Amino acid sequence: MTKSPLLSLPGAVPAEGPDEGVAAHYGDLFREQRSLADGTGFVDLSHRGVVTVSGPDRLPWLHLLLTQAVEQLPPHQATEALILSAHGHIEHALYLVDDGETTWMHVEPGTQGALLAYLESMRFFYRVETADVTDRYAVVHLPAGSITRLDPAWTVRETAYGRDVFVPRDRLESWAAGAGPAIGVLAYEALRIEAHRPRLGLETDHRTIPHEVGWLDTAVHLSKGCYRGQETVARVHNLGRPPRRLVFLHLDGSEVRLPGHGAAVRVAEEGEEGRAVGFITSSARHWELGPIALALVKRNTPERATLLAEETAAAQETVVAP
């Protein structure tokens, strides 16, 4: 585990689970969400893994391995990509940008070792060099609209949701001191859930395919050349029938406890407990929407059905169409 030095900031409460090592919040969860939505402050994501690929063949080589088309990726253009198993199941989710000399990517905490091992096994005769630089670079997130100043030498991924910045670890504390209010990962997660963005290890399990969670739209190029797992991607896309689908849930606000990851989701049927159709993947308390969640349910679950997350009633919004 990489423990952030920013846990020493006033009010910092350590996060648990997959985000252990950074702050869950700094004392006021809803204020932090509002700040993030308004484009102020920053989120410490320094627990995430950072991997680089350099060398003249880096983009053509990555193009062969990833679900995304990156062979002609322009410098400083952000993208997302997946690495699939031979059966099309999601193994890694990569958030990439190329600076013209090196491809930078951040990944889920603790997954960089397995990713690097796979990349190294596929080097063959290509002129590439891979490296785990997590011990030297930290990721921080700046929301869209932020005017926080950055060192021009730092690599930045700019997306519709904001900027992911690769900050030298030895500069993290000094930079944070002048970067505006620190915001915890609980606020970041609440806005991620609101935006229906999947996260590896939460919205995915060992058999998840990209179609089920909406990654077909953002992390998969359907017209590129062959890559591992492509046959499954093409077959399910052409048939239009992924086994499960992601839904967004508005949870009954009268319940005190949020249903956690893995909580059973059932169809609410009058006079019956209802049949199990899936499970909660992520949940949060949102400053405007109240308690919300994402869930993975069977494809044929009626779109208008009221669901139960454990005992909490939930109205669903479609994320991935059945």
C-alpha atoms as a PDB file:
ATOM      1  CA  MET A   1       0.000   0.000   0.000  1.00  0.00           C
ATOM      2  CA  THR A   2       1.189   3.506  -0.888  1.00  0.00           C
ATOM      3  CA  LYS A   3       0.329   5.847   2.004  1.00  0.00           C
ATOM      4  CA  SER A   4      -0.126   9.472   1.040  1.00  0.00           C
ATOM      5  CA  PRO A   5       1.705  12.212   2.943  1.00  0.00           C
ATOM      6  CA  LEU A   6      -1.468  14.294   2.556  1.00  0.00           C
ATOM      7  CA  LEU A   7      -3.115  12.170   5.249  1.00  0.00           C
ATOM      8  CA  SER A   8      -1.367  14.586   7.623  1.00  0.00           C
ATOM      9  CA  LEU A   9      -3.564  17.480   6.422  1.00  0.00           C
ATOM     10  CA  PRO A  10      -6.081  18.844   8.969  1.00  0.00           C
ATOM     11  CA  GLY A  11      -9.280  16.806   9.178  1.00  0.00           C
ATOM     12  CA  ALA A  12      -8.050  13.924   7.014  1.00  0.00           C
ATOM     13  CA  VAL A  13      -9.908  10.663   7.659  1.00  0.00           C
ATOM     14  CA  PRO A  14      -8.221   7.632   6.036  1.00  0.00           C
ATOM     15  CA  ALA A  15     -10.140   5.724   3.388  1.00  0.00           C
ATOM     16  CA  GLU A  16     -10.691   1.991   3.572  1.00  0.00           C
ATOM     17  CA  GLY A  17     -11.029  -0.806   1.035  1.00  0.00           C
ATOM     18  CA  PRO A  18      -9.668  -0.197  -2.476  1.00  0.00           C
ATOM     19  CA  ASP A  19      -8.823   3.428  -1.659  1.00  0.00           C
ATOM     20  CA  GLU A  20      -6.776   2.708   1.438  1.00  0.00           C
ATOM     21  CA  GLY A  21      -3.755   4.985   1.614  1.00  0.00           C
ATOM     22  CA  VAL A  22      -5.453   8.305   0.854  1.00  0.00           C
ATOM     23  CA  ALA A  23      -8.108  10.403   2.602  1.00  0.00           C
ATOM     24  CA  ALA A  24     -11.775   9.434   2.448  1.00  0.00           C
ATOM     25  CA  HIS A  25     -12.682  13.000   3.385  1.00  0.00           C
ATOM     26  CA  TYR A  26     -11.365  16.037   5.227  1.00  0.00           C
ATOM     27  CA  GLY A  27     -14.275  16.606   7.580  1.00  0.00           C
ATOM     28  CA  ASP A  28     -17.168  17.771   5.367  1.00  0.00           C
ATOM     29  CA  LEU A  29     -18.221  15.285   2.706  1.00  0.00           C
ATOM     30  CA  PHE A  30     -20.980  17.342   1.064  1.00  0.00           C
ATOM     31  CA  ARG A  31     -18.947  20.554   1.007  1.00  0.00           C
ATOM     32  CA  GLU A  32     -16.168  18.615  -0.709  1.00  0.00           C
ATOM     33  CA  GLN A  33     -18.621  17.298  -3.303  1.00  0.00           C
ATOM     34  CA  ARG A  34     -19.901  20.807  -3.993  1.00  0.00           C
ATOM     35  CA  SER A  35     -16.355  22.097  -4.388  1.00  0.00           C
ATOM     36  CA  LEU A  36     -15.556  19.330  -6.851  1.00  0.00           C
ATOM     37  CA  ALA A  37     -18.727  20.025  -8.824  1.00  0.00           C
ATOM     38  CA  ASP A  38     -17.904  23.753  -8.857  1.00  0.00           C
ATOM     39  CA  GLY A  39     -14.384  23.160 -10.203  1.00  0.00           C
ATOM     40  CA  THR A  40     -12.344  23.941  -7.111  1.00  0.00           C
ATOM     41  CA  GLY A  41      -9.901  21.911  -5.057  1.00  0.00           C
ATOM     42  CA  PHE A  42      -8.097  18.682  -5.880  1.00  0.00           C
ATOM     43  CA  VAL A  43      -8.415  14.973  -5.128  1.00  0.00           C
ATOM     44  CA  ASP A  44      -5.438  12.987  -3.888  1.00  0.00           C
ATOM     45  CA  LEU A  45      -5.266   9.772  -5.966  1.00  0.00           C
ATOM     46  CA  SER A  46      -1.667   9.046  -5.082  1.00  0.00           C
ATOM     47  CA  HIS A  47      -2.519   5.453  -4.126  1.00  0.00           C
ATOM     48  CA  ARG A  48      -3.141   4.577  -7.784  1.00  0.00           C
ATOM     49  CA  GLY A  49      -0.505   2.743  -9.792  1.00  0.00           C
ATOM     50  CA  VAL A  50       1.490   4.602 -12.460  1.00  0.00           C
ATOM     51  CA  VAL A  51       3.064   2.757 -15.398  1.00  0.00           C
ATOM     52  CA  THR A  52       4.976   4.204 -18.337  1.00  0.00           C
ATOM     53  CA  VAL A  53       5.864   2.828 -21.761  1.00  0.00           C
ATOM     54  CA  SER A  54       8.634   4.469 -23.787  1.00  0.00           C
ATOM     55  CA  GLY A  55      10.465   3.677 -27.008  1.00  0.00           C
ATOM     56  CA  PRO A  56       9.749   4.299 -30.698  1.00  0.00           C
ATOM     57  CA  ASP A  57       7.372   1.326 -31.029  1.00  0.00           C
ATOM     58  CA  ARG A  58       5.284   2.083 -27.932  1.00  0.00           C
ATOM     59  CA  LEU A  59       2.032   3.167 -29.618  1.00  0.00           C
ATOM     60  CA  PRO A  60       1.921   0.501 -32.387  1.00  0.00           C
ATOM     61  CA  TRP A  61       2.782  -2.104 -29.741  1.00  0.00           C
ATOM     62  CA  LEU A  62       0.094  -0.946 -27.309  1.00  0.00           C
ATOM     63  CA  HIS A  63      -2.352  -0.806 -30.214  1.00  0.00           C
ATOM     64  CA  LEU A  64      -1.940  -4.580 -30.605  1.00  0.00           C
ATOM     65  CA  LEU A  65      -2.619  -5.281 -26.936  1.00  0.00           C
ATOM     66  CA  LEU A  66      -5.397  -2.866 -25.989  1.00  0.00           C
ATOM     67  CA  THR A  67      -9.086  -2.596 -26.823  1.00  0.00           C
ATOM     68  CA  GLN A  68      -8.585   1.037 -27.839  1.00  0.00           C
ATOM     69  CA  ALA A  69      -7.045   2.361 -31.070  1.00  0.00           C
ATOM     70  CA  VAL A  70      -3.854   4.138 -29.980  1.00  0.00           C
ATOM     71  CA  GLU A  71      -1.464   3.655 -32.905  1.00  0.00           C
ATOM     72  CA  GLN A  72      -2.041   7.247 -34.064  1.00  0.00           C
ATOM     73  CA  LEU A  73      -2.836   8.720 -30.662  1.00  0.00           C
ATOM     74  CA  PRO A  74      -1.893  12.421 -30.783  1.00  0.00           C
ATOM     75  CA  PRO A  75       0.308  13.807 -27.995  1.00  0.00           C
ATOM     76  CA  HIS A  76      -1.605  14.976 -24.912  1.00  0.00           C
ATOM     77  CA  GLN A  77      -4.922  13.404 -26.005  1.00  0.00           C
ATOM     78  CA  ALA A  78      -6.419  11.356 -23.186  1.00  0.00           C
ATOM     79  CA  THR A  79      -8.036   7.994 -23.747  1.00  0.00           C
ATOM     80  CA  GLU A  80      -9.143   4.884 -21.876  1.00  0.00           C
ATOM     81  CA  ALA A  81      -8.385   1.271 -22.748  1.00  0.00           C
ATOM     82  CA  LEU A  82      -8.846  -2.245 -21.431  1.00  0.00           C
ATOM     83  CA  ILE A  83      -6.854  -5.436 -21.451  1.00  0.00           C
ATOM     84  CA  LEU A  84      -9.062  -8.494 -21.811  1.00  0.00           C
ATOM     85  CA  SER A  85      -8.601 -12.190 -21.223  1.00  0.00           C
ATOM     86  CA  ALA A  86      -8.782 -14.604 -24.146  1.00  0.00           C
ATOM     87  CA  HIS A  87     -12.496 -14.990 -23.344  1.00  0.00           C
ATOM     88  CA  GLY A  88     -13.135 -11.241 -23.390  1.00  0.00           C
ATOM     89  CA  HIS A  89     -13.311 -10.693 -19.638  1.00  0.00           C
ATOM     90  CA  ILE A  90     -11.869  -7.421 -18.313  1.00  0.00           C
ATOM     91  CA  GLU A  91      -8.482  -7.798 -16.609  1.00  0.00           C
ATOM     92  CA  HIS A  92      -7.128  -4.232 -16.561  1.00  0.00           C
ATOM     93  CA  ALA A  93      -8.491  -0.718 -17.076  1.00  0.00           C
ATOM     94  CA  LEU A  94      -5.921   1.865 -18.204  1.00  0.00           C
ATOM     95  CA  TYR A  95      -6.236   5.662 -18.240  1.00  0.00           C
ATOM     96  CA  LEU A  96      -3.672   6.847 -20.779  1.00  0.00           C
ATOM     97  CA  VAL A  97      -2.020   9.866 -22.301  1.00  0.00           C
ATOM     98  CA  ASP A  98       1.075  10.119 -24.504  1.00  0.00           C
ATOM     99  CA  ASP A  99       3.408  13.111 -24.178  1.00  0.00           C
ATOM    100  CA  GLY A 100       5.140  12.544 -27.519  1.00  0.00           C
ATOM    101  CA  GLU A 101       7.943  10.454 -26.006  1.00  0.00           C
ATOM    102  CA  THR A 102       6.313   8.328 -23.306  1.00  0.00           C
ATOM    103  CA  THR A 103       2.880   6.836 -22.743  1.00  0.00           C
ATOM    104  CA  TRP A 104       1.673   7.411 -19.189  1.00  0.00           C
ATOM    105  CA  MET A 105      -1.135   5.451 -17.579  1.00  0.00           C
ATOM    106  CA  HIS A 106      -2.683   5.175 -14.157  1.00  0.00           C
ATOM    107  CA  VAL A 107      -4.448   2.061 -12.958  1.00  0.00           C
ATOM    108  CA  GLU A 108      -6.259   0.686  -9.925  1.00  0.00           C
ATOM    109  CA  PRO A 109      -4.184   0.542  -6.722  1.00  0.00           C
ATOM    110  CA  GLY A 110      -2.128  -2.626  -6.520  1.00  0.00           C
ATOM    111  CA  THR A 111      -2.752  -3.763 -10.107  1.00  0.00           C
ATOM    112  CA  GLN A 112       0.361  -2.212 -11.645  1.00  0.00           C
ATOM    113  CA  GLY A 113       2.535  -5.239 -10.880  1.00  0.00           C
ATOM    114  CA  ALA A 114       0.277  -7.669 -12.761  1.00  0.00           C
ATOM    115  CA  LEU A 115      -0.115  -5.189 -15.612  1.00  0.00           C
ATOM    116  CA  LEU A 116       3.629  -4.717 -15.932  1.00  0.00           C
ATOM    117  CA  ALA A 117       4.197  -8.481 -15.887  1.00  0.00           C
ATOM    118  CA  TYR A 118       1.735  -8.925 -18.756  1.00  0.00           C
ATOM    119  CA  LEU A 119       3.253  -6.087 -20.780  1.00  0.00           C
ATOM    120  CA  GLU A 120       6.752  -7.481 -20.279  1.00  0.00           C
ATOM    121  CA  SER A 121       5.595 -10.910 -21.459  1.00  0.00           C
ATOM    122  CA  MET A 122       4.409  -9.354 -24.732  1.00  0.00           C
ATOM    123  CA  ARG A 123       7.488  -7.266 -25.602  1.00  0.00           C
ATOM    124  CA  PHE A 124       9.034  -9.708 -28.101  1.00  0.00           C
ATOM    125  CA  PHE A 125      11.115  -7.772 -30.651  1.00  0.00           C
ATOM    126  CA  TYR A 126       9.415  -4.390 -30.152  1.00  0.00           C
ATOM    127  CA  ARG A 127      11.522  -1.393 -29.184  1.00  0.00           C
ATOM    128  CA  VAL A 128       9.716  -0.533 -25.971  1.00  0.00           C
ATOM    129  CA  GLU A 129      10.591  -0.080 -22.315  1.00  0.00           C
ATOM    130  CA  THR A 130       8.019  -0.485 -19.564  1.00  0.00           C
ATOM    131  CA  ALA A 131       8.341   0.787 -16.001  1.00  0.00           C
ATOM    132  CA  ASP A 132       6.387   0.936 -12.763  1.00  0.00           C
ATOM    133  CA  VAL A 133       6.975   4.515 -11.602  1.00  0.00           C
ATOM    134  CA  THR A 134       4.418   4.534  -8.783  1.00  0.00           C
ATOM    135  CA  ASP A 135       7.165   5.213  -6.255  1.00  0.00           C
ATOM    136  CA  ARG A 136       8.195   8.360  -8.166  1.00  0.00           C
ATOM    137  CA  TYR A 137       4.899   9.801  -9.434  1.00  0.00           C
ATOM    138  CA  ALA A 138       1.538  10.413  -7.799  1.00  0.00           C
ATOM    139  CA  VAL A 139      -1.812  11.066  -9.474  1.00  0.00           C
ATOM    140  CA  VAL A 140      -3.970  14.014  -8.434  1.00  0.00           C
ATOM    141  CA  HIS A 141      -7.300  14.939  -9.969  1.00  0.00           C
ATOM    142  CA  LEU A 142      -8.366  18.497 -10.730  1.00  0.00           C
ATOM    143  CA  PRO A 143     -12.054  19.008 -11.571  1.00  0.00           C
ATOM    144  CA  ALA A 144     -13.234  20.492 -14.848  1.00  0.00           C
ATOM    145  CA  GLY A 145     -12.974  24.275 -14.697  1.00  0.00           C
ATOM    146  CA  SER A 146     -10.125  24.282 -12.204  1.00  0.00           C
ATOM    147  CA  ILE A 147      -7.582  27.085 -12.672  1.00  0.00           C
ATOM    148  CA  THR A 148      -4.975  25.551 -10.373  1.00  0.00           C
ATOM    149  CA  ARG A 149      -1.489  26.215 -11.737  1.00  0.00           C
ATOM    150  CA  LEU A 150       0.723  23.303 -12.699  1.00  0.00           C
ATOM    151  CA  ASP A 151       4.353  22.875 -13.591  1.00  0.00           C
ATOM    152  CA  PRO A 152       4.480  22.850 -17.424  1.00  0.00           C
ATOM    153  CA  ALA A 153       6.820  19.848 -17.279  1.00  0.00           C
ATOM    154  CA  TRP A 154       4.195  17.626 -15.634  1.00  0.00           C
ATOM    155  CA  THR A 155       2.151  15.203 -17.724  1.00  0.00           C
ATOM    156  CA  VAL A 156      -1.598  15.844 -17.712  1.00  0.00           C
ATOM    157  CA  ARG A 157      -4.608  13.794 -18.875  1.00  0.00           C
ATOM    158  CA  GLU A 158      -7.398  16.231 -19.719  1.00  0.00           C
ATOM    159  CA  THR A 159     -10.906  14.782 -20.018  1.00  0.00           C
ATOM    160  CA  ALA A 160     -14.479  16.018 -19.855  1.00  0.00           C
ATOM    161  CA  TYR A 161     -14.418  15.345 -16.102  1.00  0.00           C
ATOM    162  CA  GLY A 162     -11.214  17.221 -15.339  1.00  0.00           C
ATOM    163  CA  ARG A 163      -7.456  16.703 -15.362  1.00  0.00           C
ATOM    164  CA  ASP A 164      -5.444  13.796 -14.007  1.00  0.00           C
ATOM    165  CA  VAL A 165      -1.962  15.085 -13.234  1.00  0.00           C
ATOM    166  CA  PHE A 166       1.170  12.956 -12.774  1.00  0.00           C
ATOM    167  CA  VAL A 167       2.974  14.861 -10.016  1.00  0.00           C
ATOM    168  CA  PRO A 168       6.499  13.938  -8.860  1.00  0.00           C
ATOM    169  CA  ARG A 169       6.033  12.450  -5.402  1.00  0.00           C
ATOM    170  CA  ASP A 170       8.732  14.625  -3.907  1.00  0.00           C
ATOM    171  CA  ARG A 171       6.710  17.686  -5.008  1.00  0.00           C
ATOM    172  CA  LEU A 172       3.267  16.462  -3.863  1.00  0.00           C
ATOM    173  CA  GLU A 173       3.166  18.099  -0.434  1.00  0.00           C
ATOM    174  CA  SER A 174       4.566  21.452  -1.532  1.00  0.00           C
ATOM    175  CA  TRP A 175       2.223  21.596  -4.538  1.00  0.00           C
ATOM    176  CA  ALA A 176      -0.821  20.648  -2.456  1.00  0.00           C
ATOM    177  CA  ALA A 177      -0.133  23.499  -0.037  1.00  0.00           C
ATOM    178  CA  GLY A 178      -1.068  26.018  -2.739  1.00  0.00           C
ATOM    179  CA  ALA A 179      -3.596  24.004  -4.745  1.00  0.00           C
ATOM    180  CA  GLY A 180      -6.816  24.877  -2.944  1.00  0.00           C
ATOM    181  CA  PRO A 181      -8.958  22.718  -0.681  1.00  0.00           C
ATOM    182  CA  ALA A 182      -8.139  19.020  -0.511  1.00  0.00           C
ATOM    183  CA  ILE A 183     -11.069  16.770  -1.391  1.00  0.00           C
ATOM    184  CA  GLY A 184     -11.424  13.156  -0.318  1.00  0.00           C
ATOM    185  CA  VAL A 185     -12.073  10.128  -2.504  1.00  0.00           C
ATOM    186  CA  LEU A 186     -15.630   9.727  -1.166  1.00  0.00           C
ATOM    187  CA  ALA A 187     -16.595  12.951  -2.931  1.00  0.00           C
ATOM    188  CA  TYR A 188     -14.775  11.842  -6.082  1.00  0.00           C
ATOM    189  CA  GLU A 189     -16.583   8.492  -5.957  1.00  0.00           C
ATOM    190  CA  ALA A 190     -19.996  10.131  -5.490  1.00  0.00           C
ATOM    191  CA  LEU A 191     -19.516  12.174  -8.656  1.00  0.00           C
ATOM    192  CA  ARG A 192     -18.172   9.123 -10.495  1.00  0.00           C
ATOM    193  CA  ILE A 193     -21.294   7.162  -9.601  1.00  0.00           C
ATOM    194  CA  GLU A 194     -23.497  10.111 -10.622  1.00  0.00           C
ATOM    195  CA  ALA A 195     -21.741  10.117 -14.030  1.00  0.00           C
ATOM    196  CA  HIS A 196     -22.277   6.329 -14.417  1.00  0.00           C
ATOM    197  CA  ARG A 197     -18.548   5.697 -14.867  1.00  0.00           C
ATOM    198  CA  PRO A 198     -17.484   2.118 -14.093  1.00  0.00           C
ATOM    199  CA  ARG A 199     -14.484   1.229 -11.988  1.00  0.00           C
ATOM    200  CA  LEU A 200     -12.428  -1.939 -12.214  1.00  0.00           C
ATOM    201  CA  GLY A 201     -12.952  -4.204  -9.212  1.00  0.00           C
ATOM    202  CA  LEU A 202     -16.206  -2.500  -8.217  1.00  0.00           C
ATOM    203  CA  GLU A 203     -18.374  -2.556 -11.342  1.00  0.00           C
ATOM    204  CA  THR A 204     -16.462  -5.615 -12.577  1.00  0.00           C
ATOM    205  CA  ASP A 205     -15.874  -9.167 -11.432  1.00  0.00           C
ATOM    206  CA  HIS A 206     -13.973 -12.087 -12.974  1.00  0.00           C
ATOM    207  CA  ARG A 207     -16.523 -12.525 -15.776  1.00  0.00           C
ATOM    208  CA  THR A 208     -17.408  -8.942 -16.715  1.00  0.00           C
ATOM    209  CA  ILE A 209     -17.218  -8.026 -20.398  1.00  0.00           C
ATOM    210  CA  PRO A 210     -17.006  -4.393 -21.636  1.00  0.00           C
ATOM    211  CA  HIS A 211     -20.588  -4.319 -22.981  1.00  0.00           C
ATOM    212  CA  GLU A 212     -22.105  -4.860 -19.525  1.00  0.00           C
ATOM    213  CA  VAL A 213     -20.749  -1.710 -17.871  1.00  0.00           C
ATOM    214  CA  GLY A 214     -20.701   0.868 -20.677  1.00  0.00           C
ATOM    215  CA  TRP A 215     -16.993   0.639 -21.489  1.00  0.00           C
ATOM    216  CA  LEU A 216     -17.860  -0.270 -25.066  1.00  0.00           C
ATOM    217  CA  ASP A 217     -18.474   3.459 -25.642  1.00  0.00           C
ATOM    218  CA  THR A 218     -15.326   4.882 -24.040  1.00  0.00           C
ATOM    219  CA  ALA A 219     -12.610   2.214 -23.918  1.00  0.00           C
ATOM    220  CA  VAL A 220     -13.216  -0.055 -26.932  1.00  0.00           C
ATOM    221  CA  HIS A 221     -12.666   0.677 -30.624  1.00  0.00           C
ATOM    222  CA  LEU A 222     -14.939  -1.615 -32.625  1.00  0.00           C
ATOM    223  CA  SER A 223     -13.121  -1.206 -35.943  1.00  0.00           C
ATOM    224  CA  LYS A 224      -9.489  -1.711 -34.946  1.00  0.00           C
ATOM    225  CA  GLY A 225      -7.363  -4.765 -35.627  1.00  0.00           C
ATOM    226  CA  CYS A 226      -7.100  -7.957 -33.625  1.00  0.00           C
ATOM    227  CA  TYR A 227      -6.396  -8.035 -29.885  1.00  0.00           C
ATOM    228  CA  ARG A 228      -6.900 -10.622 -27.168  1.00  0.00           C
ATOM    229  CA  GLY A 229     -10.609 -11.060 -26.428  1.00  0.00           C
ATOM    230  CA  GLN A 230     -11.788  -9.313 -29.606  1.00  0.00           C
ATOM    231  CA  GLU A 231     -13.825 -12.301 -30.774  1.00  0.00           C
ATOM    232  CA  THR A 232     -16.055 -12.071 -27.706  1.00  0.00           C
ATOM    233  CA  VAL A 233     -16.381  -8.297 -28.062  1.00  0.00           C
ATOM    234  CA  ALA A 234     -17.456  -8.600 -31.710  1.00  0.00           C
ATOM    235  CA  ARG A 235     -19.842 -11.501 -31.121  1.00  0.00           C
ATOM    236  CA  VAL A 236     -21.692  -9.906 -28.214  1.00  0.00           C
ATOM    237  CA  HIS A 237     -21.792  -6.529 -29.986  1.00  0.00           C
ATOM    238  CA  ASN A 238     -23.319  -8.074 -33.110  1.00  0.00           C
ATOM    239  CA  LEU A 239     -25.848 -10.112 -31.143  1.00  0.00           C
ATOM    240  CA  GLY A 240     -26.625  -7.188 -28.832  1.00  0.00           C
ATOM    241  CA  ARG A 241     -27.100  -9.397 -25.778  1.00  0.00           C
ATOM    242  CA  PRO A 242     -24.614  -8.940 -22.955  1.00  0.00           C
ATOM    243  CA  PRO A 243     -25.512 -11.244 -20.031  1.00  0.00           C
ATOM    244  CA  ARG A 244     -25.789  -8.357 -17.551  1.00  0.00           C
ATOM    245  CA  ARG A 245     -26.177  -4.597 -17.647  1.00  0.00           C
ATOM    246  CA  LEU A 246     -25.218  -1.654 -15.456  1.00  0.00           C
ATOM    247  CA  VAL A 247     -28.009   0.417 -13.898  1.00  0.00           C
ATOM    248  CA  PHE A 248     -28.035   3.618 -11.846  1.00  0.00           C
ATOM    249  CA  LEU A 249     -30.172   3.540  -8.708  1.00  0.00           C
ATOM    250  CA  HIS A 250     -31.888   6.254  -6.693  1.00  0.00           C
ATOM    251  CA  LEU A 251     -32.094   4.707  -3.242  1.00  0.00           C
ATOM    252  CA  ASP A 252     -34.826   5.341  -0.671  1.00  0.00           C
ATOM    253  CA  GLY A 253     -33.451   8.149   1.469  1.00  0.00           C
ATOM    254  CA  SER A 254     -35.219   6.999   4.635  1.00  0.00           C
ATOM    255  CA  GLU A 255     -32.733   4.173   5.133  1.00  0.00           C
ATOM    256  CA  VAL A 256     -29.799   5.037   7.383  1.00  0.00           C
ATOM    257  CA  ARG A 257     -27.305   2.516   5.972  1.00  0.00           C
ATOM    258  CA  LEU A 258     -26.084   2.402   2.394  1.00  0.00           C
ATOM    259  CA  PRO A 259     -26.028  -1.041   0.761  1.00  0.00           C
ATOM    260  CA  GLY A 260     -22.389  -1.977   0.256  1.00  0.00           C
ATOM    261  CA  HIS A 261     -20.533  -3.551  -2.637  1.00  0.00           C
ATOM    262  CA  GLY A 262     -21.958  -7.018  -3.295  1.00  0.00           C
ATOM    263  CA  ALA A 263     -25.333  -6.398  -1.645  1.00  0.00           C
ATOM    264  CA  ALA A 264     -28.058  -8.396  -3.371  1.00  0.00           C
ATOM    265  CA  VAL A 265     -30.453  -6.602  -5.726  1.00  0.00           C
ATOM    266  CA  ARG A 266     -33.929  -8.072  -6.180  1.00  0.00           C
ATOM    267  CA  VAL A 267     -37.068  -7.202  -8.083  1.00  0.00           C
ATOM    268  CA  ALA A 268     -39.678  -5.822  -5.684  1.00  0.00           C
ATOM    269  CA  GLU A 269     -42.877  -7.836  -6.094  1.00  0.00           C
ATOM    270  CA  GLU A 270     -46.003  -7.255  -4.075  1.00  0.00           C
ATOM    271  CA  GLY A 271     -46.405  -9.892  -1.381  1.00  0.00           C
ATOM    272  CA  GLU A 272     -43.090 -11.544  -2.195  1.00  0.00           C
ATOM    273  CA  GLU A 273     -39.456 -10.938  -1.448  1.00  0.00           C
ATOM    274  CA  GLY A 274     -38.698 -10.951  -5.171  1.00  0.00           C
ATOM    275  CA  ARG A 275     -36.089 -12.789  -7.158  1.00  0.00           C
ATOM    276  CA  ALA A 276     -32.404 -11.893  -7.031  1.00  0.00           C
ATOM    277  CA  VAL A 277     -31.279 -10.225 -10.274  1.00  0.00           C
ATOM    278  CA  GLY A 278     -27.855  -8.766  -9.451  1.00  0.00           C
ATOM    279  CA  PHE A 279     -25.739  -6.905  -6.912  1.00  0.00           C
ATOM    280  CA  ILE A 280     -24.690  -3.416  -5.840  1.00  0.00           C
ATOM    281  CA  THR A 281     -21.309  -2.407  -7.239  1.00  0.00           C
ATOM    282  CA  SER A 282     -20.852   1.098  -5.741  1.00  0.00           C
ATOM    283  CA  SER A 283     -22.927   3.370  -3.519  1.00  0.00           C
ATOM    284  CA  ALA A 284     -22.634   6.902  -2.141  1.00  0.00           C
ATOM    285  CA  ARG A 285     -24.475   9.769  -0.508  1.00  0.00           C
ATOM    286  CA  HIS A 286     -24.708  12.591  -3.035  1.00  0.00           C
ATOM    287  CA  TRP A 287     -25.016  16.226  -2.004  1.00  0.00           C
ATOM    288  CA  GLU A 288     -27.955  16.824  -4.390  1.00  0.00           C
ATOM    289  CA  LEU A 289     -29.354  13.408  -5.330  1.00  0.00           C
ATOM    290  CA  GLY A 290     -29.245  11.763  -1.914  1.00  0.00           C
ATOM    291  CA  PRO A 291     -28.272   8.083  -1.666  1.00  0.00           C
ATOM    292  CA  ILE A 292     -27.310   6.647  -5.067  1.00  0.00           C
ATOM    293  CA  ALA A 293     -25.725   3.481  -6.379  1.00  0.00           C
ATOM    294  CA  LEU A 294     -24.636   1.533  -9.408  1.00  0.00           C
ATOM    295  CA  ALA A 295     -25.648  -2.108  -9.781  1.00  0.00           C
ATOM    296  CA  LEU A 296     -25.014  -4.936 -12.196  1.00  0.00           C
ATOM    297  CA  VAL A 297     -28.246  -6.793 -12.990  1.00  0.00           C
ATOM    298  CA  LYS A 298     -29.393  -9.503 -15.377  1.00  0.00           C
ATOM    299  CA  ARG A 299     -29.970  -8.213 -18.886  1.00  0.00           C
ATOM    300  CA  ASN A 300     -33.667  -9.115 -18.926  1.00  0.00           C
ATOM    301  CA  THR A 301     -34.479  -7.254 -15.701  1.00  0.00           C
ATOM    302  CA  PRO A 302     -37.438  -4.981 -16.615  1.00  0.00           C
ATOM    303  CA  GLU A 303     -36.260  -1.396 -17.015  1.00  0.00           C
ATOM    304  CA  ARG A 304     -39.271   0.006 -15.153  1.00  0.00           C
ATOM    305  CA  ALA A 305     -39.197  -2.461 -12.284  1.00  0.00           C
ATOM    306  CA  THR A 306     -38.684  -1.152  -8.778  1.00  0.00           C
ATOM    307  CA  LEU A 307     -35.720  -2.887  -7.250  1.00  0.00           C
ATOM    308  CA  LEU A 308     -34.640  -3.689  -3.715  1.00  0.00           C
ATOM    309  CA  ALA A 309     -31.018  -3.264  -2.688  1.00  0.00           C
ATOM    310  CA  GLU A 310     -31.076  -5.541   0.354  1.00  0.00           C
ATOM    311  CA  GLU A 311     -34.169  -3.977   1.985  1.00  0.00           C
ATOM    312  CA  THR A 312     -33.821  -0.514   0.423  1.00  0.00           C
ATOM    313  CA  ALA A 313     -36.228   0.408  -2.371  1.00  0.00           C
ATOM    314  CA  ALA A 314     -34.509   1.700  -5.491  1.00  0.00           C
ATOM    315  CA  ALA A 315     -35.743   3.378  -8.671  1.00  0.00           C
ATOM    316  CA  GLN A 316     -33.523   2.522 -11.611  1.00  0.00           C
ATOM    317  CA  GLU A 317     -32.177   4.502 -14.547  1.00  0.00           C
ATOM    318  CA  THR A 318     -30.829   2.663 -17.586  1.00  0.00           C
ATOM    319  CA  VAL A 319     -27.097   2.953 -18.161  1.00  0.00           C
ATOM    320  CA  VAL A 320     -26.628   0.017 -20.518  1.00  0.00           C
ATOM    321  CA  ALA A 321     -29.693  -0.774 -22.614  1.00  0.00           C
ATOM    322  CA  PRO A 322     -30.945  -4.367 -22.428  1.00  0.00           C
END
